[in-house]
Amino acid sequence: MGNRGKIDNYTISLPAISSYIPVMDLIKKHIAGYILFSILFGGFPESIEDIDGNIINLKELTAKKTVAVITMKSPDCPVCQTQILRIMQIFDRLSACSVTFLILAPGPIEKLREAKELTKFPFPFIIDEKLKIARSLNLLLNNTQILPSIFILNEKLGVEWLQRGRNALYFGDPELMKRLKCEGWI
């Protein structure tokens, strides 16, 4: 009870708080604008260049096939490379599902070429310049790495389905197979 008078005497004047209200409103507007901008303009462009210099028209590709994107944390990520090898092992079963793949990873290009050669994955590998795509999809692990994920692009080049995360014990393949409605997954 002896401290009660001291606590009751501590007050914040309303003018001190009210000066922060416009600042908070401005911050909320900027955050809402950023989210709206990311939704409208983020993600994948209509066409993109792979590491071999081929231009891929994503609008046409998504209209013809299901496009699954596998992200790599970094080109030398062993778990990410294992994910690609696992997909390669079941590719015959996946081909019946009319699915194609893209690999999205940070650079450098030399390391990504090494990963492509090591895995022998026959689909395009794309460098996410400045992690712009990963950032717009909220898939940044840190300033240099992408959160390992698998997602499916829709015809508007937005994410239709997403499975986040991967580790040496969990790859997310069963969820992808279920989403693709491909039978016979081991």
Protein backbone atom coordinates (compact mmCIF):
# COMPACT_ATOMS: atom_id res chain seq x y z
CA MET A 1 0.00 0.00 0.00
CA GLY A 2 2.91 2.31 0.58
CA ASN A 3 3.76 2.38 -3.14
CA ARG A 4 0.18 2.93 -4.29
CA GLY A 5 0.37 6.72 -4.10
CA LYS A 6 3.57 6.74 -6.17
CA ILE A 7 2.05 4.56 -8.93
CA ASP A 8 -1.14 6.61 -9.06
CA ASN A 9 0.90 9.80 -9.46
CA TYR A 10 2.65 8.41 -12.57
CA THR A 11 0.66 9.45 -15.60
CA ILE A 12 1.27 10.08 -19.26
CA SER A 13 -0.34 13.18 -20.55
CA LEU A 14 -2.73 12.75 -23.47
CA PRO A 15 -0.87 15.24 -25.66
CA ALA A 16 2.29 13.09 -25.41
CA ILE A 17 0.44 10.02 -26.70
CA SER A 18 -1.66 11.84 -29.25
CA SER A 19 1.45 13.00 -31.14
CA TYR A 20 2.23 9.34 -31.92
CA ILE A 21 -1.21 8.58 -33.38
CA PRO A 22 -0.57 10.22 -36.81
CA VAL A 23 2.80 8.46 -37.01
CA MET A 24 1.18 5.10 -36.27
CA ASP A 25 -1.54 5.78 -38.86
CA LEU A 26 1.14 6.60 -41.43
CA ILE A 27 3.04 3.39 -40.62
CA LYS A 28 -0.17 1.34 -40.98
CA LYS A 29 -0.85 2.91 -44.39
CA HIS A 30 2.69 2.13 -45.56
CA ILE A 31 2.42 -1.48 -44.40
CA ALA A 32 -0.97 -1.89 -46.09
CA GLY A 33 0.44 -0.32 -49.27
CA TYR A 34 3.45 -2.65 -49.23
CA ILE A 35 1.22 -5.71 -48.80
CA LEU A 36 -1.09 -4.57 -51.60
CA PHE A 37 1.90 -3.82 -53.85
CA SER A 38 3.35 -7.27 -53.14
CA ILE A 39 0.04 -8.93 -53.96
CA LEU A 40 -0.47 -6.99 -57.17
CA PHE A 41 3.10 -6.78 -58.44
CA GLY A 42 5.14 -9.29 -56.46
CA GLY A 43 5.95 -12.83 -57.32
CA PHE A 44 6.94 -13.99 -60.75
CA PRO A 45 7.18 -11.85 -63.86
CA GLU A 46 5.42 -13.00 -67.06
CA SER A 47 8.73 -14.20 -68.47
CA ILE A 48 12.02 -15.01 -66.84
CA GLU A 49 15.51 -16.08 -67.91
CA ASP A 50 17.05 -19.30 -66.66
CA ILE A 51 20.77 -19.85 -65.98
CA ASP A 52 21.27 -21.15 -69.53
CA GLY A 53 19.96 -17.93 -71.06
CA ASN A 54 16.59 -19.37 -72.12
CA ILE A 55 13.57 -17.10 -71.77
CA ILE A 56 10.62 -18.88 -70.15
CA ASN A 57 7.15 -17.46 -70.78
CA LEU A 58 5.52 -18.28 -67.46
CA LYS A 59 2.05 -17.13 -68.55
CA GLU A 60 2.06 -19.67 -71.40
CA LEU A 61 3.64 -22.36 -69.26
CA THR A 62 1.08 -22.06 -66.44
CA ALA A 63 -1.75 -22.14 -69.00
CA LYS A 64 -0.50 -25.49 -70.36
CA LYS A 65 0.85 -27.29 -67.29
CA THR A 66 0.97 -27.28 -63.54
CA VAL A 67 4.13 -25.38 -62.60
CA ALA A 68 5.75 -26.49 -59.36
CA VAL A 69 8.59 -24.34 -58.04
CA ILE A 70 11.23 -25.83 -55.76
CA THR A 71 13.20 -23.23 -53.85
CA MET A 72 16.74 -23.81 -52.71
CA LYS A 73 18.12 -22.14 -49.60
CA SER A 74 21.39 -21.80 -51.47
CA PRO A 75 22.86 -23.60 -54.49
CA ASP A 76 25.07 -25.79 -52.29
CA CYS A 77 22.32 -26.77 -49.81
CA PRO A 78 22.58 -30.60 -49.57
CA VAL A 79 19.00 -31.04 -48.34
CA CYS A 80 17.71 -28.94 -51.24
CA GLN A 81 19.74 -31.01 -53.70
CA THR A 82 18.31 -34.17 -52.13
CA GLN A 83 14.81 -32.77 -52.68
CA ILE A 84 15.57 -32.40 -56.39
CA LEU A 85 16.99 -35.93 -56.57
CA ARG A 86 13.84 -37.29 -54.87
CA ILE A 87 11.69 -35.61 -57.52
CA MET A 88 13.92 -37.09 -60.23
CA GLN A 89 13.36 -40.60 -58.81
CA ILE A 90 9.59 -40.32 -59.23
CA PHE A 91 9.50 -38.22 -62.37
CA ASP A 92 7.93 -40.97 -64.48
CA ARG A 93 4.93 -40.99 -62.15
CA LEU A 94 4.82 -37.18 -62.09
CA SER A 95 4.79 -36.89 -65.87
CA ALA A 96 1.26 -38.34 -65.87
CA CYS A 97 0.19 -35.33 -63.79
CA SER A 98 1.12 -32.77 -66.45
CA VAL A 99 3.54 -31.05 -64.11
CA THR A 100 6.72 -29.17 -64.86
CA PHE A 101 9.26 -27.73 -62.47
CA LEU A 102 11.33 -24.62 -61.92
CA ILE A 103 14.17 -24.33 -59.43
CA LEU A 104 14.47 -20.93 -57.75
CA ALA A 105 17.66 -20.15 -55.85
CA PRO A 106 19.98 -17.32 -54.91
CA GLY A 107 23.23 -17.08 -56.86
CA PRO A 108 25.96 -17.08 -57.70
CA ILE A 109 25.30 -18.52 -61.14
CA GLU A 110 28.42 -20.73 -61.07
CA LYS A 111 27.22 -22.50 -57.91
CA LEU A 112 23.74 -22.95 -59.35
CA ARG A 113 25.21 -24.45 -62.53
CA GLU A 114 27.15 -26.89 -60.34
CA ALA A 115 23.91 -27.87 -58.55
CA LYS A 116 22.17 -28.42 -61.88
CA GLU A 117 25.03 -30.59 -63.12
CA LEU A 118 25.18 -32.55 -59.86
CA THR A 119 21.44 -33.29 -59.77
CA LYS A 120 21.01 -33.74 -63.56
CA PHE A 121 17.60 -32.09 -63.13
CA PRO A 122 16.30 -31.36 -66.65
CA PHE A 123 14.17 -28.36 -65.71
CA PRO A 124 15.08 -24.65 -65.62
CA PHE A 125 17.16 -23.25 -62.77
CA ILE A 126 16.49 -19.58 -62.09
CA ILE A 127 18.51 -17.15 -60.03
CA ASP A 128 16.38 -14.92 -57.86
CA GLU A 129 18.19 -11.63 -58.46
CA LYS A 130 18.45 -9.73 -55.18
CA LEU A 131 15.93 -12.25 -53.77
CA LYS A 132 13.15 -10.11 -55.24
CA ILE A 133 10.79 -13.02 -55.92
CA ALA A 134 11.40 -14.71 -52.56
CA ARG A 135 10.88 -11.40 -50.77
CA SER A 136 7.57 -10.77 -52.54
CA LEU A 137 6.37 -14.26 -51.56
CA ASN A 138 7.57 -13.90 -47.96
CA LEU A 139 10.11 -16.71 -48.45
CA LEU A 140 13.27 -15.00 -47.23
CA LEU A 141 15.24 -16.98 -44.71
CA ASN A 142 17.75 -14.16 -44.32
CA ASN A 143 19.45 -11.58 -46.57
CA THR A 144 21.19 -14.23 -48.67
CA GLN A 145 19.00 -17.34 -48.46
CA ILE A 146 15.53 -18.47 -49.53
CA LEU A 147 13.28 -20.53 -47.29
CA PRO A 148 13.26 -24.05 -48.78
CA SER A 149 9.75 -24.62 -50.11
CA ILE A 150 7.66 -26.13 -52.86
CA PHE A 151 4.82 -24.15 -54.37
CA ILE A 152 2.53 -24.20 -57.36
CA LEU A 153 2.02 -21.16 -59.56
CA ASN A 154 -1.44 -20.34 -60.88
CA GLU A 155 -2.18 -18.78 -64.27
CA LYS A 156 -2.01 -15.29 -62.73
CA LEU A 157 1.52 -16.16 -61.56
CA GLY A 158 0.48 -16.14 -57.94
CA VAL A 159 0.94 -18.94 -55.46
CA GLU A 160 -1.89 -21.45 -55.64
CA TRP A 161 -0.45 -23.88 -53.10
CA LEU A 162 2.59 -23.68 -50.81
CA GLN A 163 4.49 -26.09 -48.60
CA ARG A 164 7.08 -24.22 -46.49
CA GLY A 165 10.19 -25.71 -45.01
CA ARG A 166 12.37 -28.72 -45.60
CA ASN A 167 14.93 -30.64 -43.58
CA ALA A 168 16.84 -33.92 -43.76
CA LEU A 169 13.85 -35.81 -42.31
CA TYR A 170 11.01 -33.94 -44.02
CA PHE A 171 10.80 -32.94 -47.66
CA GLY A 172 7.12 -32.23 -48.26
CA ASP A 173 6.90 -34.62 -51.21
CA PRO A 174 3.76 -36.39 -49.94
CA GLU A 175 1.93 -33.06 -49.72
CA LEU A 176 2.99 -32.19 -53.26
CA MET A 177 1.84 -35.57 -54.56
CA LYS A 178 -1.48 -35.20 -52.76
CA ARG A 179 -1.96 -31.71 -54.19
CA LEU A 180 -1.08 -32.91 -57.70
CA LYS A 181 -3.33 -35.94 -57.22
CA CYS A 182 -0.53 -38.21 -58.39
CA GLU A 183 -0.94 -41.78 -57.23
CA GLY A 184 1.71 -44.24 -56.17
CA TRP A 185 3.95 -42.08 -53.99
CA ILE A 186 6.35 -44.20 -51.92
